């Protein structure tokens, strides 16, 4: 994961799966990690680890932030708050307050992993996977009493420090609904590894990793009041699941994906990105960039003349783990096995990746 604190410092924060967060300031990788919690993080399986970090609005004055990781020991998804030490480039690992401990007891994969504060409402959104295995055997994604396979929305800021964990926004769609966890904002997701908000429109884009056949991009406008159901495990992409099913009834409040990628060209796991709003690079503004972990292919998506259009832009030539965004809205991409973070640059027809040295 690659992100920024939106505090005017221009720093990039790079999350490493083993349990550290590194800072790239200017042209230098700082020697001391911003955070190191390797003894608390389970990273033995490829989808486990320290998965993302999020900084609240007005982070510079608040001096605390949030991290998402898989717990060492009993399998669980942990969302915690940490304080920054007197050194702005070093967090206090001993200051951890656990906000959420979501049981993930059966399988090691499909942990979700994204944290994002909405620029529109200031609440913290997080994506959870369906609990793993093939086909979501417990049907977690469609079970409203379970927090797996969902986008959750919580408010850890308004009542802090009086309430040290979080409160439920009163406008969450299932507040007071029998059988529903009140944290749920949207459901029917398999593994929303990466999602993001368009910094200009506040629309939400979700890259939901598919099973064996389809990858998908889901979208909701900023004006949405939540409650969307993105269909898994009844549908994979736009198609009934499992493959070969000739007909199916979509769930209530079903929202179809705005883009799908069929497996067959080496694609296996969508990596959701960002809508480009930067100025540093020669990229078309307003296009949502996303890629694939296995093939390294990168696409651009935009709503044009009443329809969503997606175009293949480039093959990166490496395994993409995440896209990133700096304070100015410029884009980056992380090379999973190469240990690199690279600028995304170029026009759609000739996108190129310019290396930034991190290791």
Protein backbone atom coordinates (compact mmCIF):
# COMPACT_ATOMS: atom_id res chain seq x y z
CA UNK A 1 0.00 0.00 0.00
CA UNK A 2 1.18 3.53 -0.85
CA UNK A 3 -0.51 6.62 0.56
CA UNK A 4 -0.14 10.11 1.96
CA UNK A 5 -1.13 11.93 5.15
CA UNK A 6 -2.55 15.03 3.40
CA UNK A 7 -0.69 17.15 5.94
CA UNK A 8 1.35 19.32 3.59
CA UNK A 9 4.55 17.38 4.22
CA UNK A 10 4.62 15.72 0.80
CA UNK A 11 5.61 12.41 2.39
CA UNK A 12 4.69 9.04 0.90
CA UNK A 13 3.90 6.23 3.35
CA UNK A 14 4.70 2.72 2.10
CA UNK A 15 3.14 -0.18 3.98
CA UNK A 16 5.17 -3.40 4.02
CA UNK A 17 3.33 -6.66 4.52
CA UNK A 18 5.58 -7.94 7.33
CA UNK A 19 4.40 -5.14 9.62
CA UNK A 20 6.31 -1.94 8.93
CA UNK A 21 5.46 1.44 7.44
CA UNK A 22 8.24 3.35 5.72
CA UNK A 23 8.39 7.02 4.78
CA UNK A 24 9.68 8.42 1.53
CA UNK A 25 10.43 12.13 2.09
CA UNK A 26 11.61 14.13 -0.87
CA UNK A 27 14.08 11.89 -2.67
CA UNK A 28 15.01 9.80 0.37
CA UNK A 29 13.75 6.70 2.11
CA UNK A 30 14.02 7.39 5.83
CA UNK A 31 16.14 4.83 7.65
CA UNK A 32 13.84 4.47 10.66
CA UNK A 33 10.42 2.95 9.99
CA UNK A 34 7.43 5.14 10.78
CA UNK A 35 5.82 2.10 12.46
CA UNK A 36 7.04 -1.42 13.22
CA UNK A 37 4.57 -3.97 14.64
CA UNK A 38 5.98 -7.12 13.09
CA UNK A 39 5.49 -9.15 16.28
CA UNK A 40 1.73 -8.48 16.18
CA UNK A 41 1.17 -9.03 12.45
CA UNK A 42 0.57 -12.43 10.86
CA UNK A 43 2.12 -12.34 7.40
CA UNK A 44 2.84 -16.01 6.77
CA UNK A 45 0.31 -16.33 3.94
CA UNK A 46 0.40 -14.11 0.87
CA UNK A 47 -2.83 -12.22 1.58
CA UNK A 48 -2.03 -11.62 5.25
CA UNK A 49 0.01 -8.83 6.79
CA UNK A 50 -0.10 -5.14 7.54
CA UNK A 51 -2.46 -4.17 4.75
CA UNK A 52 -3.04 -0.40 4.77
CA UNK A 53 -2.93 2.83 6.73
CA UNK A 54 -5.30 5.81 6.86
CA UNK A 55 -4.82 9.33 8.19
CA UNK A 56 -7.80 11.31 9.51
CA UNK A 57 -8.71 14.81 8.36
CA UNK A 58 -6.45 17.34 10.11
CA UNK A 59 -3.89 14.67 10.86
CA UNK A 60 -1.16 17.27 11.37
CA UNK A 61 -2.86 18.53 14.53
CA UNK A 62 -4.47 15.28 15.67
CA UNK A 63 -1.25 13.24 15.39
CA UNK A 64 -2.90 9.84 15.26
CA UNK A 65 -3.67 7.44 12.44
CA UNK A 66 -5.22 4.04 11.72
CA UNK A 67 -3.82 0.72 10.51
CA UNK A 68 -5.40 -2.51 9.21
CA UNK A 69 -3.64 -5.84 9.76
CA UNK A 70 -4.14 -9.57 10.23
CA UNK A 71 -3.50 -10.63 13.79
CA UNK A 72 -0.76 -13.04 14.80
CA UNK A 73 -2.34 -15.94 16.73
CA UNK A 74 -6.13 -16.23 16.46
CA UNK A 75 -7.08 -15.28 12.91
CA UNK A 76 -8.73 -11.87 13.03
CA UNK A 77 -8.81 -8.59 11.14
CA UNK A 78 -7.57 -5.73 13.33
CA UNK A 79 -8.20 -2.02 12.85
CA UNK A 80 -6.22 0.06 15.35
CA UNK A 81 -5.38 3.65 16.18
CA UNK A 82 -1.76 4.70 16.83
CA UNK A 83 -0.27 7.99 17.98
CA UNK A 84 2.70 9.77 16.46
CA UNK A 85 5.66 10.30 18.79
CA UNK A 86 7.38 13.63 19.38
CA UNK A 87 9.24 12.86 16.14
CA UNK A 88 6.77 13.42 13.29
CA UNK A 89 8.43 10.64 11.29
CA UNK A 90 8.12 7.97 13.99
CA UNK A 91 4.90 6.55 15.43
CA UNK A 92 4.49 5.25 18.96
CA UNK A 93 3.95 1.50 18.50
CA UNK A 94 3.02 1.20 22.19
CA UNK A 95 0.05 3.55 21.82
CA UNK A 96 -2.16 1.06 19.99
CA UNK A 97 -5.90 1.12 20.64
CA UNK A 98 -7.82 -1.67 18.90
CA UNK A 99 -11.05 -0.37 17.40
CA UNK A 100 -12.24 -3.49 15.61
CA UNK A 101 -11.36 -7.15 16.04
CA UNK A 102 -13.25 -9.04 13.34
CA UNK A 103 -13.02 -12.84 13.61
CA UNK A 104 -11.67 -14.53 10.48
CA UNK A 105 -11.44 -18.04 11.88
CA UNK A 106 -11.48 -20.56 9.05
CA UNK A 107 -9.21 -19.55 6.15
CA UNK A 108 -6.12 -17.40 5.66
CA UNK A 109 -7.19 -15.58 2.50
CA UNK A 110 -9.75 -12.92 1.57
CA UNK A 111 -8.92 -10.46 4.31
CA UNK A 112 -9.85 -7.31 2.41
CA UNK A 113 -7.40 -4.72 3.65
CA UNK A 114 -8.30 -1.16 2.66
CA UNK A 115 -8.89 1.79 4.99
CA UNK A 116 -9.99 5.17 3.61
CA UNK A 117 -11.46 8.31 5.10
CA UNK A 118 -14.16 9.71 2.85
CA UNK A 119 -13.36 13.27 1.74
CA UNK A 120 -17.11 13.96 1.74
CA UNK A 121 -18.34 12.81 5.15
CA UNK A 122 -15.08 12.30 7.09
CA UNK A 123 -16.00 8.78 8.20
CA UNK A 124 -13.67 5.79 8.04
CA UNK A 125 -14.51 3.14 5.46
CA UNK A 126 -12.95 -0.33 5.46
CA UNK A 127 -13.25 -3.34 3.18
CA UNK A 128 -13.41 -6.90 4.49
CA UNK A 129 -13.10 -10.13 2.51
CA UNK A 130 -15.64 -12.94 2.65
CA UNK A 131 -13.57 -15.16 4.93
CA UNK A 132 -11.80 -17.17 2.25
CA UNK A 133 -12.00 -20.54 0.51
CA UNK A 134 -13.72 -21.08 -2.82
CA UNK A 135 -17.24 -19.83 -3.30
CA UNK A 136 -17.76 -18.32 0.18
CA UNK A 137 -19.05 -21.57 1.77
CA UNK A 138 -20.69 -19.84 4.80
CA UNK A 139 -22.24 -17.19 2.50
CA UNK A 140 -20.67 -14.48 4.66
CA UNK A 141 -20.93 -11.82 1.96
CA UNK A 142 -24.74 -12.06 1.95
CA UNK A 143 -25.16 -12.55 5.71
CA UNK A 144 -26.00 -9.21 7.35
CA UNK A 145 -25.06 -10.30 10.87
CA UNK A 146 -21.45 -10.94 9.76
CA UNK A 147 -18.93 -8.19 8.99
CA UNK A 148 -17.08 -10.23 6.35
CA UNK A 149 -17.58 -9.53 2.65
CA UNK A 150 -18.61 -5.95 3.32
CA UNK A 151 -17.72 -2.28 3.18
CA UNK A 152 -18.03 -0.98 6.75
CA UNK A 153 -18.39 2.68 7.78
CA UNK A 154 -17.52 3.88 11.26
CA UNK A 155 -16.79 7.18 13.00
CA UNK A 156 -13.66 6.95 15.14
CA UNK A 157 -13.13 10.72 15.29
CA UNK A 158 -16.19 12.74 16.35
CA UNK A 159 -16.45 11.40 19.92
CA UNK A 160 -12.72 10.76 20.41
CA UNK A 161 -11.23 10.70 23.04
CA UNK A 162 -14.43 10.38 25.09
CA UNK A 163 -15.18 7.23 23.07
CA UNK A 164 -11.75 5.64 22.47
CA UNK A 165 -12.94 3.24 19.75
CA UNK A 166 -15.71 4.40 17.41
CA UNK A 167 -19.36 5.32 17.07
CA UNK A 168 -21.85 4.34 14.36
CA UNK A 169 -22.85 7.12 11.98
CA UNK A 170 -26.59 7.68 12.40
CA UNK A 171 -26.97 7.72 8.62
CA UNK A 172 -25.57 4.21 8.12
CA UNK A 173 -28.18 2.32 6.08
CA UNK A 174 -28.86 -0.54 8.49
CA UNK A 175 -28.91 1.28 11.82
CA UNK A 176 -31.77 -0.25 13.80
CA UNK A 177 -32.42 -3.00 11.23
CA UNK A 178 -32.96 -6.38 12.85
CA UNK A 179 -30.20 -8.87 12.08
CA UNK A 180 -27.82 -6.34 10.54
CA UNK A 181 -24.50 -5.16 11.89
CA UNK A 182 -24.84 -1.37 12.09
CA UNK A 183 -21.32 -0.83 10.74
CA UNK A 184 -22.33 -2.19 7.30
CA UNK A 185 -22.35 0.33 4.48
CA UNK A 186 -22.47 -2.15 1.56
CA UNK A 187 -22.41 -5.93 1.18
CA UNK A 188 -22.05 -8.71 -1.37
CA UNK A 189 -18.29 -8.43 -1.87
CA UNK A 190 -15.77 -11.25 -2.23
CA UNK A 191 -12.48 -9.51 -1.50
CA UNK A 192 -12.44 -5.71 -1.89
CA UNK A 193 -8.65 -5.51 -1.63
CA UNK A 194 -8.46 -1.89 -2.78
CA UNK A 195 -11.03 0.89 -3.05
CA UNK A 196 -10.74 4.66 -3.28
CA UNK A 197 -12.66 7.92 -3.40
CA UNK A 198 -12.38 10.31 -6.32
CA UNK A 199 -10.95 13.42 -4.65
CA UNK A 200 -12.92 15.70 -7.00
CA UNK A 201 -16.38 14.06 -7.07
CA UNK A 202 -16.14 11.91 -3.88
CA UNK A 203 -17.48 8.91 -5.82
CA UNK A 204 -16.39 5.50 -4.53
CA UNK A 205 -14.62 2.94 -6.75
CA UNK A 206 -14.16 -0.65 -5.50
CA UNK A 207 -11.91 -3.30 -7.04
CA UNK A 208 -13.49 -6.61 -5.97
CA UNK A 209 -11.33 -9.69 -6.57
CA UNK A 210 -13.23 -12.45 -8.37
CA UNK A 211 -13.30 -16.23 -8.05
CA UNK A 212 -12.23 -18.15 -11.17
CA UNK A 213 -13.75 -16.24 -14.06
CA UNK A 214 -14.46 -12.52 -13.52
CA UNK A 215 -12.84 -9.49 -11.89
CA UNK A 216 -14.97 -6.40 -11.31
CA UNK A 217 -14.99 -2.67 -10.61
CA UNK A 218 -17.94 -1.46 -8.55
CA UNK A 219 -18.94 2.18 -8.27
CA UNK A 220 -21.28 4.32 -6.21
CA UNK A 221 -21.91 8.05 -6.57
CA UNK A 222 -21.06 10.38 -3.71
CA UNK A 223 -24.77 11.01 -3.12
CA UNK A 224 -25.42 7.35 -2.30
CA UNK A 225 -26.98 6.63 1.09
CA UNK A 226 -25.43 3.16 1.20
CA UNK A 227 -27.01 -0.27 1.37
CA UNK A 228 -25.76 -1.43 -2.03
CA UNK A 229 -25.40 -5.16 -2.59
CA UNK A 230 -22.73 -6.03 -5.16
CA UNK A 231 -23.97 -9.57 -5.69
CA UNK A 232 -21.37 -12.06 -4.49
CA UNK A 233 -21.85 -15.12 -4.14
CA UNK A 234 -24.99 -15.04 -6.27
CA UNK A 235 -23.08 -13.39 -9.09
CA UNK A 236 -19.44 -13.11 -10.09
CA UNK A 237 -19.01 -10.07 -12.28
CA UNK A 238 -22.23 -9.81 -14.28
CA UNK A 239 -22.68 -13.58 -14.46
CA UNK A 240 -24.56 -16.01 -12.25
CA UNK A 241 -22.37 -18.01 -9.91
CA UNK A 242 -21.21 -20.76 -9.99
CA UNK A 243 -20.30 -20.88 -13.69
CA UNK A 244 -22.85 -22.84 -15.66
CA UNK A 245 -25.77 -21.52 -13.64
CA UNK A 246 -28.32 -20.53 -16.26
CA UNK A 247 -30.37 -18.12 -14.18
CA UNK A 248 -30.28 -16.42 -10.79
CA UNK A 249 -32.15 -13.76 -8.88
CA UNK A 250 -29.99 -10.81 -7.88
CA UNK A 251 -30.22 -9.83 -4.21
CA UNK A 252 -32.19 -6.77 -3.05
CA UNK A 253 -30.44 -3.46 -3.76
CA UNK A 254 -28.18 -5.18 -6.28
CA UNK A 255 -25.76 -2.91 -8.16
CA UNK A 256 -23.99 -4.37 -11.18
CA UNK A 257 -20.28 -3.69 -11.78
CA UNK A 258 -19.32 -0.87 -14.11
CA UNK A 259 -16.40 -2.85 -15.53
CA UNK A 260 -15.40 -6.51 -15.62
CA UNK A 261 -12.30 -8.41 -16.72
CA UNK A 262 -12.63 -12.04 -17.75
CA UNK A 263 -9.82 -14.41 -16.86
CA UNK A 264 -7.99 -15.81 -19.84
CA UNK A 265 -5.13 -13.40 -20.57
CA UNK A 266 -3.24 -14.14 -17.37
CA UNK A 267 -5.50 -11.99 -15.20
CA UNK A 268 -6.44 -13.32 -11.76
CA UNK A 269 -6.95 -10.57 -9.16
CA UNK A 270 -8.04 -6.99 -9.72
CA UNK A 271 -6.09 -4.21 -8.04
CA UNK A 272 -8.31 -1.17 -7.59
CA UNK A 273 -6.61 2.17 -8.14
CA UNK A 274 -7.49 5.86 -8.21
CA UNK A 275 -9.05 8.49 -10.41
CA UNK A 276 -6.17 10.61 -11.65
CA UNK A 277 -6.47 14.26 -10.57
CA UNK A 278 -2.81 15.23 -10.48
CA UNK A 279 -0.85 17.72 -12.56
CA UNK A 280 2.73 16.49 -12.46
CA UNK A 281 2.46 13.80 -15.10
CA UNK A 282 1.03 13.77 -18.61
CA UNK A 283 -1.99 11.63 -17.77
CA UNK A 284 -5.64 12.23 -18.67
CA UNK A 285 -7.44 13.64 -15.64
CA UNK A 286 -10.67 12.01 -14.52
CA UNK A 287 -9.75 8.49 -15.60
CA UNK A 288 -9.86 5.68 -13.02
CA UNK A 289 -6.77 3.48 -13.20
CA UNK A 290 -6.88 -0.17 -12.14
CA UNK A 291 -4.78 -3.24 -12.80
CA UNK A 292 -4.31 -6.96 -12.26
CA UNK A 293 -1.99 -8.65 -9.80
CA UNK A 294 -1.04 -11.60 -12.02
CA UNK A 295 -0.88 -10.17 -15.54
CA UNK A 296 0.37 -6.71 -14.60
CA UNK A 297 -2.08 -5.21 -17.07
CA UNK A 298 -3.42 -1.69 -16.42
CA UNK A 299 -6.73 -0.26 -17.61
CA UNK A 300 -8.37 3.16 -17.65
CA UNK A 301 -12.09 3.59 -16.92
CA UNK A 302 -14.32 6.62 -17.47
CA UNK A 303 -17.99 7.47 -17.87
CA UNK A 304 -18.32 8.91 -21.37
CA UNK A 305 -21.48 9.84 -23.30
CA UNK A 306 -23.81 7.96 -20.99
CA UNK A 307 -21.77 4.75 -20.72
CA UNK A 308 -18.75 3.39 -18.86
CA UNK A 309 -15.78 2.79 -21.11
CA UNK A 310 -12.72 0.78 -20.11
CA UNK A 311 -9.55 0.55 -22.19
CA UNK A 312 -6.40 -1.49 -21.73
CA UNK A 313 -3.53 0.97 -21.37
CA UNK A 314 -0.39 -1.04 -20.76
CA UNK A 315 1.20 -4.16 -19.32
CA UNK A 316 3.41 -3.09 -16.44
CA UNK A 317 5.62 -6.16 -16.71
CA UNK A 318 5.43 -6.95 -12.99
CA UNK A 319 3.00 -8.10 -10.33
CA UNK A 320 0.98 -5.11 -9.12
CA UNK A 321 0.04 -5.11 -5.44
CA UNK A 322 -1.38 -1.59 -5.05
CA UNK A 323 -1.76 1.80 -6.61
CA UNK A 324 -1.01 4.90 -4.58
CA UNK A 325 -1.76 8.61 -4.58
CA UNK A 326 0.28 11.54 -3.26
CA UNK A 327 -1.08 14.79 -1.83
CA UNK A 328 -1.26 16.37 -5.27
CA UNK A 329 -3.22 13.47 -6.78
CA UNK A 330 -0.32 11.96 -8.73
CA UNK A 331 -0.34 8.19 -9.12
CA UNK A 332 2.08 5.46 -8.10
CA UNK A 333 2.12 1.69 -8.43
CA UNK A 334 3.76 -0.92 -6.18
CA UNK A 335 5.75 -3.84 -7.62
CA UNK A 336 5.01 -6.77 -5.31
CA UNK A 337 8.05 -8.94 -5.96
CA UNK A 338 10.45 -6.25 -7.11
CA UNK A 339 10.08 -4.20 -3.93
CA UNK A 340 9.64 -0.99 -5.91
CA UNK A 341 7.25 1.95 -6.03
CA UNK A 342 6.99 3.64 -9.42
CA UNK A 343 5.42 6.78 -10.82
CA UNK A 344 2.58 6.30 -13.29
CA UNK A 345 3.14 8.63 -16.22
CA UNK A 346 2.20 9.09 -19.86
CA UNK A 347 -0.80 9.52 -22.15
CA UNK A 348 -3.28 6.62 -22.35
CA UNK A 349 -1.87 5.29 -25.59
CA UNK A 350 1.72 5.21 -24.31
CA UNK A 351 1.68 5.00 -20.53
CA UNK A 352 5.07 4.43 -18.98
CA UNK A 353 6.31 3.73 -15.47
CA UNK A 354 9.16 5.87 -14.16
CA UNK A 355 11.05 4.24 -11.28
CA UNK A 356 11.33 5.69 -7.81
CA UNK A 357 14.02 3.99 -5.74
CA UNK A 358 12.85 2.64 -2.42
CA UNK A 359 15.25 -0.22 -1.82
